[in-house]
Amino acid sequence: MVEIQYKLRESDLIAFSEFQVKEGSPLQKQMKRHANTIPGILCACALFYFFYYEDVFTAAYIGGVGVVWGLLAPMYFRKDFRRKVRRQFSEEELDDILGEYKLRVELKALVEISPQGENRVLWKDIMRLELTKKYGFIYLDADEAMIIPLDTISHGKIIEFADLVNERIEDWI
């Protein structure tokens, strides 16, 4: 039996939500527009004022607003997104979700031991395992996953665990 133990934090829930927002989503398009398009238009206006009207002060002001907009708008949207994700969970739900977890690979199921108790997930109910540099996500549905923060693993090896999980998932496909 291969087993890992880790701690799930609030920042990990937010990181999963950010990971779910893929390229091409409306939020990503909005962030790109505010980071690139609007500052680009403002800087073009600044160049117009500088070359056509020879008004250095107005051109510098408009260009400065464009640069500040390009730097601060994505930070604002990221912070707002994190705040919205945080508001999705009540304090009671966070107390239930966060804490120490153990995942154990068995022949017929993945056993999750959480603060709420033991839960068995059959291999046929698991879609895939996805590893990133900081996280492992065991997808149970298109937008539901078990989150494994790699930096909080206190027992077990993630590579050995991931290889065995992938093998079990493939066996049940």
C-alpha atoms as a PDB file:
ATOM      1  CA  MET A   1       0.000   0.000   0.000  1.00  0.00           C
ATOM      2  CA  VAL A   2       1.312   3.389  -1.009  1.00  0.00           C
ATOM      3  CA  GLU A   3       0.244   6.294   1.158  1.00  0.00           C
ATOM      4  CA  ILE A   4       0.873  10.034   1.340  1.00  0.00           C
ATOM      5  CA  GLN A   5       0.040  12.471   4.101  1.00  0.00           C
ATOM      6  CA  TYR A   6      -0.322  16.212   3.576  1.00  0.00           C
ATOM      7  CA  LYS A   7      -1.940  19.336   4.932  1.00  0.00           C
ATOM      8  CA  LEU A   8      -4.575  21.259   2.945  1.00  0.00           C
ATOM      9  CA  ARG A   9      -4.652  25.043   3.434  1.00  0.00           C
ATOM     10  CA  GLU A  10      -6.991  27.820   2.310  1.00  0.00           C
ATOM     11  CA  SER A  11      -4.407  29.059  -0.189  1.00  0.00           C
ATOM     12  CA  ASP A  12      -4.505  25.627  -1.837  1.00  0.00           C
ATOM     13  CA  LEU A  13      -8.248  25.945  -2.492  1.00  0.00           C
ATOM     14  CA  ILE A  14      -7.646  29.320  -4.127  1.00  0.00           C
ATOM     15  CA  ALA A  15      -4.766  27.908  -6.177  1.00  0.00           C
ATOM     16  CA  PHE A  16      -7.031  25.139  -7.511  1.00  0.00           C
ATOM     17  CA  SER A  17      -9.641  27.699  -8.549  1.00  0.00           C
ATOM     18  CA  GLU A  18      -6.970  29.756 -10.316  1.00  0.00           C
ATOM     19  CA  PHE A  19      -5.700  26.604 -12.033  1.00  0.00           C
ATOM     20  CA  GLN A  20      -9.234  25.882 -13.264  1.00  0.00           C
ATOM     21  CA  VAL A  21      -9.400  29.250 -15.036  1.00  0.00           C
ATOM     22  CA  LYS A  22      -7.862  28.153 -18.308  1.00  0.00           C
ATOM     23  CA  GLU A  23      -6.610  30.212 -21.203  1.00  0.00           C
ATOM     24  CA  GLY A  24      -9.432  31.624 -23.282  1.00  0.00           C
ATOM     25  CA  SER A  25     -11.853  31.892 -20.376  1.00  0.00           C
ATOM     26  CA  PRO A  26     -13.769  35.183 -19.972  1.00  0.00           C
ATOM     27  CA  LEU A  27     -11.719  36.068 -16.882  1.00  0.00           C
ATOM     28  CA  GLN A  28      -8.422  35.513 -18.718  1.00  0.00           C
ATOM     29  CA  LYS A  29      -9.644  37.588 -21.665  1.00  0.00           C
ATOM     30  CA  GLN A  30     -10.668  40.404 -19.342  1.00  0.00           C
ATOM     31  CA  MET A  31      -7.300  40.352 -17.575  1.00  0.00           C
ATOM     32  CA  LYS A  32      -5.419  40.441 -20.897  1.00  0.00           C
ATOM     33  CA  ARG A  33      -7.571  43.299 -22.126  1.00  0.00           C
ATOM     34  CA  HIS A  34      -6.861  45.327 -19.002  1.00  0.00           C
ATOM     35  CA  ALA A  35      -3.176  44.388 -18.965  1.00  0.00           C
ATOM     36  CA  ASN A  36      -2.411  44.928 -22.665  1.00  0.00           C
ATOM     37  CA  THR A  37      -5.128  46.486 -24.806  1.00  0.00           C
ATOM     38  CA  ILE A  38      -6.250  49.425 -22.675  1.00  0.00           C
ATOM     39  CA  PRO A  39      -2.676  50.477 -21.729  1.00  0.00           C
ATOM     40  CA  GLY A  40      -1.681  50.121 -25.391  1.00  0.00           C
ATOM     41  CA  ILE A  41      -4.495  52.426 -26.488  1.00  0.00           C
ATOM     42  CA  LEU A  42      -3.594  54.949 -23.793  1.00  0.00           C
ATOM     43  CA  CYS A  43       0.086  54.892 -24.797  1.00  0.00           C
ATOM     44  CA  ALA A  44      -0.908  55.376 -28.466  1.00  0.00           C
ATOM     45  CA  CYS A  45      -2.960  58.406 -27.403  1.00  0.00           C
ATOM     46  CA  ALA A  46       0.053  59.675 -25.471  1.00  0.00           C
ATOM     47  CA  LEU A  47       2.248  59.357 -28.567  1.00  0.00           C
ATOM     48  CA  PHE A  48      -0.397  61.175 -30.605  1.00  0.00           C
ATOM     49  CA  TYR A  49      -0.440  64.062 -28.120  1.00  0.00           C
ATOM     50  CA  PHE A  50       3.345  64.165 -28.035  1.00  0.00           C
ATOM     51  CA  PHE A  51       3.910  64.179 -31.801  1.00  0.00           C
ATOM     52  CA  TYR A  52       0.816  66.004 -33.085  1.00  0.00           C
ATOM     53  CA  TYR A  53       0.205  68.607 -30.375  1.00  0.00           C
ATOM     54  CA  GLU A  54       3.760  68.581 -28.979  1.00  0.00           C
ATOM     55  CA  ASP A  55       2.211  68.548 -25.516  1.00  0.00           C
ATOM     56  CA  VAL A  56       4.748  66.721 -23.353  1.00  0.00           C
ATOM     57  CA  PHE A  57       2.849  67.140 -20.072  1.00  0.00           C
ATOM     58  CA  THR A  58      -0.436  65.652 -21.348  1.00  0.00           C
ATOM     59  CA  ALA A  59       1.404  62.905 -23.214  1.00  0.00           C
ATOM     60  CA  ALA A  60       3.369  61.983 -20.077  1.00  0.00           C
ATOM     61  CA  TYR A  61       0.185  62.007 -17.989  1.00  0.00           C
ATOM     62  CA  ILE A  62      -1.749  59.757 -20.398  1.00  0.00           C
ATOM     63  CA  GLY A  63       1.250  57.434 -20.850  1.00  0.00           C
ATOM     64  CA  GLY A  64       1.712  57.234 -17.075  1.00  0.00           C
ATOM     65  CA  VAL A  65      -1.943  56.348 -16.588  1.00  0.00           C
ATOM     66  CA  GLY A  66      -1.560  53.624 -19.238  1.00  0.00           C
ATOM     67  CA  VAL A  67       1.490  52.116 -17.537  1.00  0.00           C
ATOM     68  CA  VAL A  68      -0.085  52.245 -14.072  1.00  0.00           C
ATOM     69  CA  TRP A  69      -3.282  50.711 -15.463  1.00  0.00           C
ATOM     70  CA  GLY A  70      -1.320  47.913 -17.090  1.00  0.00           C
ATOM     71  CA  LEU A  71       0.480  47.120 -13.846  1.00  0.00           C
ATOM     72  CA  LEU A  72      -2.318  47.489 -11.301  1.00  0.00           C
ATOM     73  CA  ALA A  73      -5.404  46.188 -13.135  1.00  0.00           C
ATOM     74  CA  PRO A  74      -4.249  42.535 -13.296  1.00  0.00           C
ATOM     75  CA  MET A  75      -3.318  42.678  -9.617  1.00  0.00           C
ATOM     76  CA  TYR A  76      -6.778  44.009  -8.789  1.00  0.00           C
ATOM     77  CA  PHE A  77      -8.525  41.288 -10.821  1.00  0.00           C
ATOM     78  CA  ARG A  78      -6.409  38.552  -9.233  1.00  0.00           C
ATOM     79  CA  LYS A  79      -7.172  39.848  -5.748  1.00  0.00           C
ATOM     80  CA  ASP A  80     -10.879  40.178  -6.557  1.00  0.00           C
ATOM     81  CA  PHE A  81     -10.978  36.622  -7.937  1.00  0.00           C
ATOM     82  CA  ARG A  82      -9.344  35.269  -4.776  1.00  0.00           C
ATOM     83  CA  ARG A  83     -11.812  37.180  -2.619  1.00  0.00           C
ATOM     84  CA  LYS A  84     -14.741  35.698  -4.582  1.00  0.00           C
ATOM     85  CA  VAL A  85     -13.350  32.183  -4.200  1.00  0.00           C
ATOM     86  CA  ARG A  86     -12.891  32.740  -0.473  1.00  0.00           C
ATOM     87  CA  ARG A  87     -16.516  33.914  -0.132  1.00  0.00           C
ATOM     88  CA  GLN A  88     -17.756  30.625  -1.603  1.00  0.00           C
ATOM     89  CA  PHE A  89     -16.897  28.851   1.645  1.00  0.00           C
ATOM     90  CA  SER A  90     -18.322  29.553   5.088  1.00  0.00           C
ATOM     91  CA  GLU A  91     -16.119  29.286   8.161  1.00  0.00           C
ATOM     92  CA  GLU A  92     -17.739  25.940   9.065  1.00  0.00           C
ATOM     93  CA  GLU A  93     -17.070  24.558   5.586  1.00  0.00           C
ATOM     94  CA  LEU A  94     -13.448  25.689   5.752  1.00  0.00           C
ATOM     95  CA  ASP A  95     -13.043  24.029   9.157  1.00  0.00           C
ATOM     96  CA  ASP A  96     -14.388  20.804   7.634  1.00  0.00           C
ATOM     97  CA  ILE A  97     -12.281  20.986   4.462  1.00  0.00           C
ATOM     98  CA  LEU A  98      -8.902  22.190   5.756  1.00  0.00           C
ATOM     99  CA  GLY A  99      -6.485  20.097   7.769  1.00  0.00           C
ATOM    100  CA  GLU A 100      -4.442  16.909   7.625  1.00  0.00           C
ATOM    101  CA  TYR A 101      -5.228  14.373   4.918  1.00  0.00           C
ATOM    102  CA  LYS A 102      -3.996  10.900   4.064  1.00  0.00           C
ATOM    103  CA  LEU A 103      -4.472   9.208   0.717  1.00  0.00           C
ATOM    104  CA  ARG A 104      -3.906   5.482   0.473  1.00  0.00           C
ATOM    105  CA  VAL A 105      -3.900   3.445  -2.730  1.00  0.00           C
ATOM    106  CA  GLU A 106      -5.740   0.156  -2.424  1.00  0.00           C
ATOM    107  CA  LEU A 107      -6.619  -2.422  -5.043  1.00  0.00           C
ATOM    108  CA  LYS A 108     -10.241  -1.338  -5.621  1.00  0.00           C
ATOM    109  CA  ALA A 109     -10.316   2.238  -4.296  1.00  0.00           C
ATOM    110  CA  LEU A 110      -8.433   5.329  -3.262  1.00  0.00           C
ATOM    111  CA  VAL A 111      -8.922   5.828   0.471  1.00  0.00           C
ATOM    112  CA  GLU A 112      -9.051   9.411   1.722  1.00  0.00           C
ATOM    113  CA  ILE A 113      -8.684   9.931   5.450  1.00  0.00           C
ATOM    114  CA  SER A 114      -9.676  13.495   6.265  1.00  0.00           C
ATOM    115  CA  PRO A 115     -10.760  15.457   9.341  1.00  0.00           C
ATOM    116  CA  GLN A 116     -14.344  14.288   8.600  1.00  0.00           C
ATOM    117  CA  GLY A 117     -13.432  10.610   8.484  1.00  0.00           C
ATOM    118  CA  GLU A 118     -12.593   7.936   5.954  1.00  0.00           C
ATOM    119  CA  ASN A 119     -13.897   8.047   2.394  1.00  0.00           C
ATOM    120  CA  ARG A 120     -13.378   5.459  -0.343  1.00  0.00           C
ATOM    121  CA  VAL A 121     -13.362   6.577  -3.973  1.00  0.00           C
ATOM    122  CA  LEU A 122     -13.592   3.775  -6.500  1.00  0.00           C
ATOM    123  CA  TRP A 123     -11.073   3.896  -9.340  1.00  0.00           C
ATOM    124  CA  LYS A 124     -13.860   4.021 -11.916  1.00  0.00           C
ATOM    125  CA  ASP A 125     -15.029   7.335 -10.368  1.00  0.00           C
ATOM    126  CA  ILE A 126     -11.630   9.022 -10.803  1.00  0.00           C
ATOM    127  CA  MET A 127     -11.078  10.829 -14.103  1.00  0.00           C
ATOM    128  CA  ARG A 128      -7.358  11.576 -13.985  1.00  0.00           C
ATOM    129  CA  LEU A 129      -4.368  12.703 -11.945  1.00  0.00           C
ATOM    130  CA  GLU A 130      -2.689  15.924 -12.986  1.00  0.00           C
ATOM    131  CA  LEU A 131       0.642  17.036 -11.522  1.00  0.00           C
ATOM    132  CA  THR A 132       1.994  20.581 -11.655  1.00  0.00           C
ATOM    133  CA  LYS A 133       5.107  22.068 -10.075  1.00  0.00           C
ATOM    134  CA  LYS A 134       3.291  22.846  -6.818  1.00  0.00           C
ATOM    135  CA  TYR A 135       0.182  20.672  -6.795  1.00  0.00           C
ATOM    136  CA  GLY A 136      -1.324  17.340  -7.630  1.00  0.00           C
ATOM    137  CA  PHE A 137      -4.998  17.218  -8.604  1.00  0.00           C
ATOM    138  CA  ILE A 138      -6.984  13.999  -8.593  1.00  0.00           C
ATOM    139  CA  TYR A 139     -10.059  14.864 -10.657  1.00  0.00           C
ATOM    140  CA  LEU A 140     -13.347  13.301  -9.637  1.00  0.00           C
ATOM    141  CA  ASP A 141     -15.371  15.507 -11.981  1.00  0.00           C
ATOM    142  CA  ALA A 142     -14.631  18.246 -14.501  1.00  0.00           C
ATOM    143  CA  ASP A 143     -14.384  20.873 -11.748  1.00  0.00           C
ATOM    144  CA  GLU A 144     -13.985  18.801  -8.582  1.00  0.00           C
ATOM    145  CA  ALA A 145     -10.671  17.406  -7.454  1.00  0.00           C
ATOM    146  CA  MET A 146      -8.689  16.245  -4.480  1.00  0.00           C
ATOM    147  CA  ILE A 147      -5.972  18.857  -4.015  1.00  0.00           C
ATOM    148  CA  ILE A 148      -2.508  17.678  -2.998  1.00  0.00           C
ATOM    149  CA  PRO A 149      -0.113  20.544  -2.182  1.00  0.00           C
ATOM    150  CA  LEU A 150       3.315  19.080  -2.874  1.00  0.00           C
ATOM    151  CA  ASP A 151       5.130  21.345  -0.411  1.00  0.00           C
ATOM    152  CA  THR A 152       3.090  20.100   2.580  1.00  0.00           C
ATOM    153  CA  ILE A 153       3.554  16.366   2.008  1.00  0.00           C
ATOM    154  CA  SER A 154       4.913  15.048   5.292  1.00  0.00           C
ATOM    155  CA  HIS A 155       4.851  11.320   4.593  1.00  0.00           C
ATOM    156  CA  GLY A 156       5.254   9.383   1.356  1.00  0.00           C
ATOM    157  CA  LYS A 157       6.650  10.068  -2.096  1.00  0.00           C
ATOM    158  CA  ILE A 158       4.449  11.806  -4.652  1.00  0.00           C
ATOM    159  CA  ILE A 159       6.113  10.242  -7.715  1.00  0.00           C
ATOM    160  CA  GLU A 160       5.606   6.694  -6.453  1.00  0.00           C
ATOM    161  CA  PHE A 161       2.036   7.588  -5.437  1.00  0.00           C
ATOM    162  CA  ALA A 162       1.249   9.259  -8.792  1.00  0.00           C
ATOM    163  CA  ASP A 163       2.617   6.334 -10.798  1.00  0.00           C
ATOM    164  CA  LEU A 164       0.474   3.857  -8.878  1.00  0.00           C
ATOM    165  CA  VAL A 165      -2.652   6.058  -9.104  1.00  0.00           C
ATOM    166  CA  ASN A 166      -2.217   6.446 -12.864  1.00  0.00           C
ATOM    167  CA  GLU A 167      -1.742   2.708 -13.199  1.00  0.00           C
ATOM    168  CA  ARG A 168      -4.943   2.009 -11.219  1.00  0.00           C
ATOM    169  CA  ILE A 169      -6.936   4.565 -13.231  1.00  0.00           C
ATOM    170  CA  GLU A 170      -5.779   3.005 -16.506  1.00  0.00           C
ATOM    171  CA  ASP A 171      -6.728  -0.461 -15.239  1.00  0.00           C
ATOM    172  CA  TRP A 172     -10.317   0.694 -14.675  1.00  0.00           C
ATOM    173  CA  ILE A 173     -10.765   2.530 -17.961  1.00  0.00           C
END
